[in-house]
C-alpha atoms as a PDB file:
ATOM      1  CA  MET A   1      67.125  89.748 117.499  1.00  0.00           C
ATOM      2  CA  GLU A   2      69.597  88.815 120.083  1.00  0.00           C
ATOM      3  CA  ILE A   3      73.285  88.494 118.896  1.00  0.00           C
ATOM      4  CA  LEU A   4      73.490  84.751 119.551  1.00  0.00           C
ATOM      5  CA  GLU A   5      70.357  84.372 117.467  1.00  0.00           C
ATOM      6  CA  ILE A   6      71.945  86.399 114.605  1.00  0.00           C
ATOM      7  CA  MET A   7      75.218  84.379 114.873  1.00  0.00           C
ATOM      8  CA  GLU A   8      73.176  81.194 114.577  1.00  0.00           C
ATOM      9  CA  LYS A   9      71.245  82.404 111.738  1.00  0.00           C
ATOM     10  CA  ARG A  10      74.304  83.238 109.689  1.00  0.00           C
ATOM     11  CA  HIS A  11      75.842  80.676 107.324  1.00  0.00           C
ATOM     12  CA  SER A  12      78.095  80.801 104.284  1.00  0.00           C
ATOM     13  CA  VAL A  13      76.061  81.000 101.121  1.00  0.00           C
ATOM     14  CA  ARG A  14      77.665  80.776  97.608  1.00  0.00           C
ATOM     15  CA  GLN A  15      74.583  80.588  95.388  1.00  0.00           C
ATOM     16  CA  TYR A  16      72.389  83.574  95.010  1.00  0.00           C
ATOM     17  CA  THR A  17      69.189  84.704  93.410  1.00  0.00           C
ATOM     18  CA  ASP A  18      68.893  87.601  90.933  1.00  0.00           C
ATOM     19  CA  LYS A  19      67.112  89.637  93.454  1.00  0.00           C
ATOM     20  CA  LYS A  20      68.739  93.165  93.843  1.00  0.00           C
ATOM     21  CA  ILE A  21      69.614  94.741  97.110  1.00  0.00           C
ATOM     22  CA  GLU A  22      66.980  97.413  97.665  1.00  0.00           C
ATOM     23  CA  ASP A  23      67.914 101.057  97.660  1.00  0.00           C
ATOM     24  CA  ASP A  24      67.119 101.591 101.386  1.00  0.00           C
ATOM     25  CA  LYS A  25      69.272  98.609 102.430  1.00  0.00           C
ATOM     26  CA  ARG A  26      72.077 100.031 100.078  1.00  0.00           C
ATOM     27  CA  LEU A  27      71.984 103.332 102.016  1.00  0.00           C
ATOM     28  CA  ILE A  28      72.325 101.463 105.364  1.00  0.00           C
ATOM     29  CA  ILE A  29      75.135  99.332 104.028  1.00  0.00           C
ATOM     30  CA  ASP A  30      77.020 102.418 102.689  1.00  0.00           C
ATOM     31  CA  GLN A  31      76.644 104.212 105.859  1.00  0.00           C
ATOM     32  CA  MET A  32      77.955 101.217 107.979  1.00  0.00           C
ATOM     33  CA  ILE A  33      80.926 101.034 105.667  1.00  0.00           C
ATOM     34  CA  ASN A  34      81.638 104.751 105.819  1.00  0.00           C
ATOM     35  CA  ASP A  35      81.526 104.617 109.663  1.00  0.00           C
ATOM     36  CA  LEU A  36      83.832 101.784 109.787  1.00  0.00           C
ATOM     37  CA  ASN A  37      86.281 103.325 107.438  1.00  0.00           C
ATOM     38  CA  SER A  38      86.254 106.399 109.769  1.00  0.00           C
ATOM     39  CA  GLU A  39      86.712 104.388 112.866  1.00  0.00           C
ATOM     40  CA  THR A  40      89.339 101.927 111.630  1.00  0.00           C
ATOM     41  CA  ASP A  41      91.287 103.709 108.960  1.00  0.00           C
ATOM     42  CA  LEU A  42      90.530 100.907 106.580  1.00  0.00           C
ATOM     43  CA  ASN A  43      89.487 101.403 103.036  1.00  0.00           C
ATOM     44  CA  ILE A  44      86.512  99.096 102.720  1.00  0.00           C
ATOM     45  CA  GLN A  45      84.749  99.371  99.387  1.00  0.00           C
ATOM     46  CA  VAL A  46      81.373  97.950  98.431  1.00  0.00           C
ATOM     47  CA  PHE A  47      80.196  97.117  94.878  1.00  0.00           C
ATOM     48  CA  TYR A  48      76.596  96.418  93.834  1.00  0.00           C
ATOM     49  CA  ASP A  49      75.342  94.781  90.537  1.00  0.00           C
ATOM     50  CA  GLU A  50      78.906  93.929  89.445  1.00  0.00           C
ATOM     51  CA  PRO A  51      79.099  90.343  88.319  1.00  0.00           C
ATOM     52  CA  ASN A  52      82.526  90.409  86.785  1.00  0.00           C
ATOM     53  CA  CYS A  53      84.482  89.751  89.967  1.00  0.00           C
ATOM     54  CA  PHE A  54      82.749  86.276  90.311  1.00  0.00           C
ATOM     55  CA  ASN A  55      82.738  85.471  86.626  1.00  0.00           C
ATOM     56  CA  SER A  56      86.029  83.591  86.549  1.00  0.00           C
ATOM     57  CA  PHE A  57      87.327  79.980  86.500  1.00  0.00           C
ATOM     58  CA  MET A  58      88.234  80.207  90.162  1.00  0.00           C
ATOM     59  CA  ALA A  59      84.741  81.514  91.107  1.00  0.00           C
ATOM     60  CA  HIS A  60      83.093  78.647  89.211  1.00  0.00           C
ATOM     61  CA  TYR A  61      85.536  76.233  90.849  1.00  0.00           C
ATOM     62  CA  GLY A  62      84.541  77.620  94.115  1.00  0.00           C
ATOM     63  CA  LYS A  63      80.715  76.842  93.229  1.00  0.00           C
ATOM     64  CA  PHE A  64      79.860  80.594  93.390  1.00  0.00           C
ATOM     65  CA  LYS A  65      76.596  81.440  91.353  1.00  0.00           C
ATOM     66  CA  ASN A  66      74.967  84.852  90.674  1.00  0.00           C
ATOM     67  CA  VAL A  67      77.345  86.863  92.985  1.00  0.00           C
ATOM     68  CA  ASN A  68      76.624  90.390  91.857  1.00  0.00           C
ATOM     69  CA  ASN A  69      77.546  92.215  95.138  1.00  0.00           C
ATOM     70  CA  TYR A  70      80.702  92.202  97.149  1.00  0.00           C
ATOM     71  CA  ILE A  71      82.759  94.025  99.712  1.00  0.00           C
ATOM     72  CA  SER A  72      86.374  94.371  99.226  1.00  0.00           C
ATOM     73  CA  PHE A  73      88.468  94.846 102.353  1.00  0.00           C
ATOM     74  CA  VAL A  74      91.559  97.013 101.696  1.00  0.00           C
ATOM     75  CA  GLY A  75      93.873  98.578 104.098  1.00  0.00           C
ATOM     76  CA  LYS A  76      97.494  99.901 104.733  1.00  0.00           C
ATOM     77  CA  LYS A  77      99.827  97.105 104.963  1.00  0.00           C
ATOM     78  CA  ASP A  78     100.824  96.264 108.622  1.00  0.00           C
ATOM     79  CA  ASN A  79     101.089  93.378 110.951  1.00  0.00           C
ATOM     80  CA  GLU A  80      97.604  93.974 112.378  1.00  0.00           C
ATOM     81  CA  LEU A  81      95.660  94.409 109.154  1.00  0.00           C
ATOM     82  CA  GLU A  82      94.345  90.910 108.682  1.00  0.00           C
ATOM     83  CA  GLU A  83      93.027  90.682 112.198  1.00  0.00           C
ATOM     84  CA  LYS A  84      91.416  94.037 112.021  1.00  0.00           C
ATOM     85  CA  ILE A  85      89.732  93.085 108.805  1.00  0.00           C
ATOM     86  CA  GLY A  86      88.463  89.796 110.381  1.00  0.00           C
ATOM     87  CA  TYR A  87      86.887  91.796 113.277  1.00  0.00           C
ATOM     88  CA  TYR A  88      85.229  94.462 111.591  1.00  0.00           C
ATOM     89  CA  GLY A  89      84.393  92.432 108.484  1.00  0.00           C
ATOM     90  CA  GLU A  90      82.459  90.063 110.524  1.00  0.00           C
ATOM     91  CA  ARG A  91      80.619  92.931 112.126  1.00  0.00           C
ATOM     92  CA  LEU A  92      79.447  93.900 108.726  1.00  0.00           C
ATOM     93  CA  VAL A  93      78.424  90.249 108.035  1.00  0.00           C
ATOM     94  CA  LEU A  94      76.294  90.002 111.137  1.00  0.00           C
ATOM     95  CA  SER A  95      74.662  93.282 110.325  1.00  0.00           C
ATOM     96  CA  LEU A  96      73.893  91.864 106.834  1.00  0.00           C
ATOM     97  CA  THR A  97      72.454  88.740 108.390  1.00  0.00           C
ATOM     98  CA  GLU A  98      70.161  91.021 110.633  1.00  0.00           C
ATOM     99  CA  MET A  99      69.001  92.612 107.419  1.00  0.00           C
ATOM    100  CA  GLY A 100      68.001  89.251 105.881  1.00  0.00           C
ATOM    101  CA  ILE A 101      71.022  89.190 103.587  1.00  0.00           C
ATOM    102  CA  GLN A 102      73.221  86.185 103.132  1.00  0.00           C
ATOM    103  CA  SER A 103      76.938  86.351 102.664  1.00  0.00           C
ATOM    104  CA  CYS A 104      80.280  84.290 102.334  1.00  0.00           C
ATOM    105  CA  TRP A 105      83.955  85.223 103.146  1.00  0.00           C
ATOM    106  CA  VAL A 106      85.946  84.624  99.956  1.00  0.00           C
ATOM    107  CA  LYS A 107      89.734  84.356  99.680  1.00  0.00           C
ATOM    108  CA  LEU A 108      91.388  83.622  96.335  1.00  0.00           C
ATOM    109  CA  THR A 109      88.324  81.925  94.702  1.00  0.00           C
ATOM    110  CA  HIS A 110      87.179  85.105  92.850  1.00  0.00           C
ATOM    111  CA  GLY A 111      88.345  87.269  89.940  1.00  0.00           C
ATOM    112  CA  LYS A 112      89.740  90.763  89.917  1.00  0.00           C
ATOM    113  CA  SER A 113      87.666  93.059  91.893  1.00  0.00           C
ATOM    114  CA  LYS A 114      86.969  96.777  91.061  1.00  0.00           C
ATOM    115  CA  ALA A 115      88.634  97.861  94.356  1.00  0.00           C
ATOM    116  CA  VAL A 116      90.862 101.008  94.002  1.00  0.00           C
ATOM    117  CA  LEU A 117      94.191 100.723  95.889  1.00  0.00           C
ATOM    118  CA  THR A 118      97.051 102.998  96.663  1.00  0.00           C
ATOM    119  CA  LYS A 119     100.618 101.663  96.706  1.00  0.00           C
ATOM    120  CA  GLU A 120     100.613 101.378 100.494  1.00  0.00           C
ATOM    121  CA  GLU A 121      97.404  99.328 100.514  1.00  0.00           C
ATOM    122  CA  LYS A 122      96.495  95.732  99.657  1.00  0.00           C
ATOM    123  CA  GLU A 123      93.161  93.919  99.227  1.00  0.00           C
ATOM    124  CA  VAL A 124      92.961  91.265 101.886  1.00  0.00           C
ATOM    125  CA  ILE A 125      89.709  89.422 101.322  1.00  0.00           C
ATOM    126  CA  ILE A 126      86.204  89.860  99.874  1.00  0.00           C
ATOM    127  CA  ILE A 127      82.693  89.262 101.135  1.00  0.00           C
ATOM    128  CA  ALA A 128      80.195  88.109  98.601  1.00  0.00           C
ATOM    129  CA  PHE A 129      76.575  89.046  99.610  1.00  0.00           C
ATOM    130  CA  GLY A 130      73.011  89.056  98.324  1.00  0.00           C
ATOM    131  CA  TYR A 131      69.779  87.032  98.612  1.00  0.00           C
ATOM    132  CA  GLY A 132      70.786  83.362  98.697  1.00  0.00           C
ATOM    133  CA  GLU A 133      69.051  80.601  96.994  1.00  0.00           C
ATOM    134  CA  THR A 134      69.061  79.089 100.484  1.00  0.00           C
ATOM    135  CA  GLU A 135      69.974  80.548 104.006  1.00  0.00           C
ATOM    136  CA  GLY A 136      72.774  77.986 104.086  1.00  0.00           C
ATOM    137  CA  ARG A 137      73.476  75.293 106.680  1.00  0.00           C
ATOM    138  CA  PRO A 138      75.043  75.315 110.095  1.00  0.00           C
ATOM    139  CA  HIS A 139      78.629  74.014 110.304  1.00  0.00           C
ATOM    140  CA  LYS A 140      79.697  71.251 112.660  1.00  0.00           C
ATOM    141  CA  SER A 141      81.566  72.516 115.806  1.00  0.00           C
ATOM    142  CA  LYS A 142      84.011  71.119 118.158  1.00  0.00           C
ATOM    143  CA  SER A 143      82.923  70.906 121.759  1.00  0.00           C
ATOM    144  CA  MET A 144      83.438  73.743 124.248  1.00  0.00           C
ATOM    145  CA  ALA A 145      85.808  71.559 126.174  1.00  0.00           C
ATOM    146  CA  ASP A 146      88.013  71.275 123.039  1.00  0.00           C
ATOM    147  CA  LEU A 147      88.052  75.047 122.503  1.00  0.00           C
ATOM    148  CA  CYS A 148      88.770  76.334 125.989  1.00  0.00           C
ATOM    149  CA  ASN A 149      89.940  75.308 129.485  1.00  0.00           C
ATOM    150  CA  TYR A 150      86.428  74.241 130.307  1.00  0.00           C
ATOM    151  CA  SER A 151      85.392  73.786 133.840  1.00  0.00           C
ATOM    152  CA  LEU A 152      82.136  74.206 135.863  1.00  0.00           C
ATOM    153  CA  GLU A 153      83.686  77.216 137.641  1.00  0.00           C
ATOM    154  CA  LEU A 154      83.636  79.397 134.475  1.00  0.00           C
ATOM    155  CA  PRO A 155      81.569  82.630 134.700  1.00  0.00           C
ATOM    156  CA  ASP A 156      78.410  83.058 132.606  1.00  0.00           C
ATOM    157  CA  TRP A 157      79.973  85.946 130.522  1.00  0.00           C
ATOM    158  CA  PHE A 158      82.843  83.527 129.484  1.00  0.00           C
ATOM    159  CA  ILE A 159      80.448  80.684 128.666  1.00  0.00           C
ATOM    160  CA  ASN A 160      78.390  83.161 126.515  1.00  0.00           C
ATOM    161  CA  GLY A 161      81.542  84.317 124.780  1.00  0.00           C
ATOM    162  CA  MET A 162      82.504  80.690 123.950  1.00  0.00           C
ATOM    163  CA  LYS A 163      78.958  80.087 122.520  1.00  0.00           C
ATOM    164  CA  GLY A 164      79.634  83.088 120.131  1.00  0.00           C
ATOM    165  CA  ALA A 165      83.069  81.915 119.350  1.00  0.00           C
ATOM    166  CA  MET A 166      81.854  78.359 118.445  1.00  0.00           C
ATOM    167  CA  LEU A 167      79.591  80.059 115.872  1.00  0.00           C
ATOM    168  CA  ALA A 168      82.307  82.017 114.215  1.00  0.00           C
ATOM    169  CA  PRO A 169      83.062  81.155 110.582  1.00  0.00           C
ATOM    170  CA  THR A 170      86.803  80.030 110.183  1.00  0.00           C
ATOM    171  CA  ALA A 171      88.745  78.899 107.030  1.00  0.00           C
ATOM    172  CA  ILE A 172      87.756  75.275 106.188  1.00  0.00           C
ATOM    173  CA  ASN A 173      85.829  75.222 109.267  1.00  0.00           C
ATOM    174  CA  GLN A 174      88.803  74.108 111.197  1.00  0.00           C
ATOM    175  CA  GLN A 175      88.371  76.169 114.348  1.00  0.00           C
ATOM    176  CA  LYS A 176      92.049  76.518 115.126  1.00  0.00           C
ATOM    177  CA  PHE A 177      91.548  78.602 118.252  1.00  0.00           C
ATOM    178  CA  TYR A 178      91.690  78.088 121.983  1.00  0.00           C
ATOM    179  CA  PHE A 179      90.489  80.328 124.833  1.00  0.00           C
ATOM    180  CA  THR A 180      92.003  80.274 128.316  1.00  0.00           C
ATOM    181  CA  TYR A 181      90.078  81.747 131.246  1.00  0.00           C
ATOM    182  CA  LYS A 182      92.582  83.161 133.786  1.00  0.00           C
ATOM    183  CA  ASP A 183      92.307  86.046 136.331  1.00  0.00           C
ATOM    184  CA  ASP A 184      88.872  86.941 135.183  1.00  0.00           C
ATOM    185  CA  GLU A 185      90.099  87.440 131.655  1.00  0.00           C
ATOM    186  CA  ALA A 186      89.728  85.508 128.341  1.00  0.00           C
ATOM    187  CA  ILE A 187      92.937  84.913 126.357  1.00  0.00           C
ATOM    188  CA  LEU A 188      92.703  83.840 122.737  1.00  0.00           C
ATOM    189  CA  LYS A 189      95.399  82.019 121.028  1.00  0.00           C
ATOM    190  CA  MET A 190      95.341  80.689 117.377  1.00  0.00           C
ATOM    191  CA  LYS A 191      97.095  77.856 115.951  1.00  0.00           C
ATOM    192  CA  LYS A 192      98.694  78.301 112.457  1.00  0.00           C
ATOM    193  CA  GLY A 193      96.391  77.529 109.425  1.00  0.00           C
ATOM    194  CA  PRO A 194      94.807  79.203 106.345  1.00  0.00           C
ATOM    195  CA  CYS A 195      93.881  82.847 107.093  1.00  0.00           C
ATOM    196  CA  SER A 196      94.749  82.428 110.694  1.00  0.00           C
ATOM    197  CA  ASN A 197      94.922  86.189 111.440  1.00  0.00           C
ATOM    198  CA  ILE A 198      91.647  86.906 109.755  1.00  0.00           C
ATOM    199  CA  ASN A 199      90.093  83.980 111.571  1.00  0.00           C
ATOM    200  CA  LYS A 200      91.424  85.449 114.842  1.00  0.00           C
ATOM    201  CA  GLY A 201      89.695  88.697 114.298  1.00  0.00           C
ATOM    202  CA  ILE A 202      86.266  86.991 113.352  1.00  0.00           C
ATOM    203  CA  VAL A 203      86.407  84.683 116.483  1.00  0.00           C
ATOM    204  CA  ARG A 204      87.480  87.556 118.765  1.00  0.00           C
ATOM    205  CA  LEU A 205      84.466  89.648 117.471  1.00  0.00           C
ATOM    206  CA  HIS A 206      82.027  86.747 118.089  1.00  0.00           C
ATOM    207  CA  PHE A 207      83.455  86.292 121.589  1.00  0.00           C
ATOM    208  CA  ASP A 208      83.316  90.002 122.412  1.00  0.00           C
ATOM    209  CA  LEU A 209      79.758  90.502 121.301  1.00  0.00           C
ATOM    210  CA  ALA A 210      78.421  87.408 122.883  1.00  0.00           C
ATOM    211  CA  SER A 211      80.293  88.009 126.292  1.00  0.00           C
ATOM    212  CA  SER A 212      79.904  91.847 126.307  1.00  0.00           C
ATOM    213  CA  ARG A 213      83.588  91.720 127.357  1.00  0.00           C
ATOM    214  CA  ARG A 214      86.875  92.108 125.373  1.00  0.00           C
ATOM    215  CA  CYS A 215      89.181  89.134 125.157  1.00  0.00           C
ATOM    216  CA  GLU A 216      92.905  89.386 125.263  1.00  0.00           C
END
């Protein structure tokens, strides 16, 4: 499956079936997380068959159902932590999608997770995952002209990157980002909003993968 196909297939899902994640897929997920932790110095932790985190008032308020699996994103406190978690967390999300597993980024609307933290670390966000009751629905997107300095002269790699960025999940689907093409580079700027640094990492990952280039 091509990367844009995977991005198009991935939608937020909050209601899940009771179907368990198979052992062979758990091994793949565990290995991906171990590799990311080694690569990034994050402390990503995965929990299977653990319903208590989403058995809370806030989770019910957020319309979550049957969330029995989740990934906790933990790291040492610094100014780049949230963007890093957005970038590498979305990489995991897209890998889950390719495996036929649905997911949802969750901030605040969950209970206490089982993540283990040191004094220097904090839990930033959680990804719920499993087999959804549905595969979710596409979100509405702003036009490309609203999200970059669009012109007919833009190179194909930048256009492809923008197609990926437009499919990136952002908090409340606000898409508070803007790309500028200048001197054969893509420059990403975020407007202030909920989870803006996490969103920046997610959007950057989508652009990088779809363009096969790295934006600034």
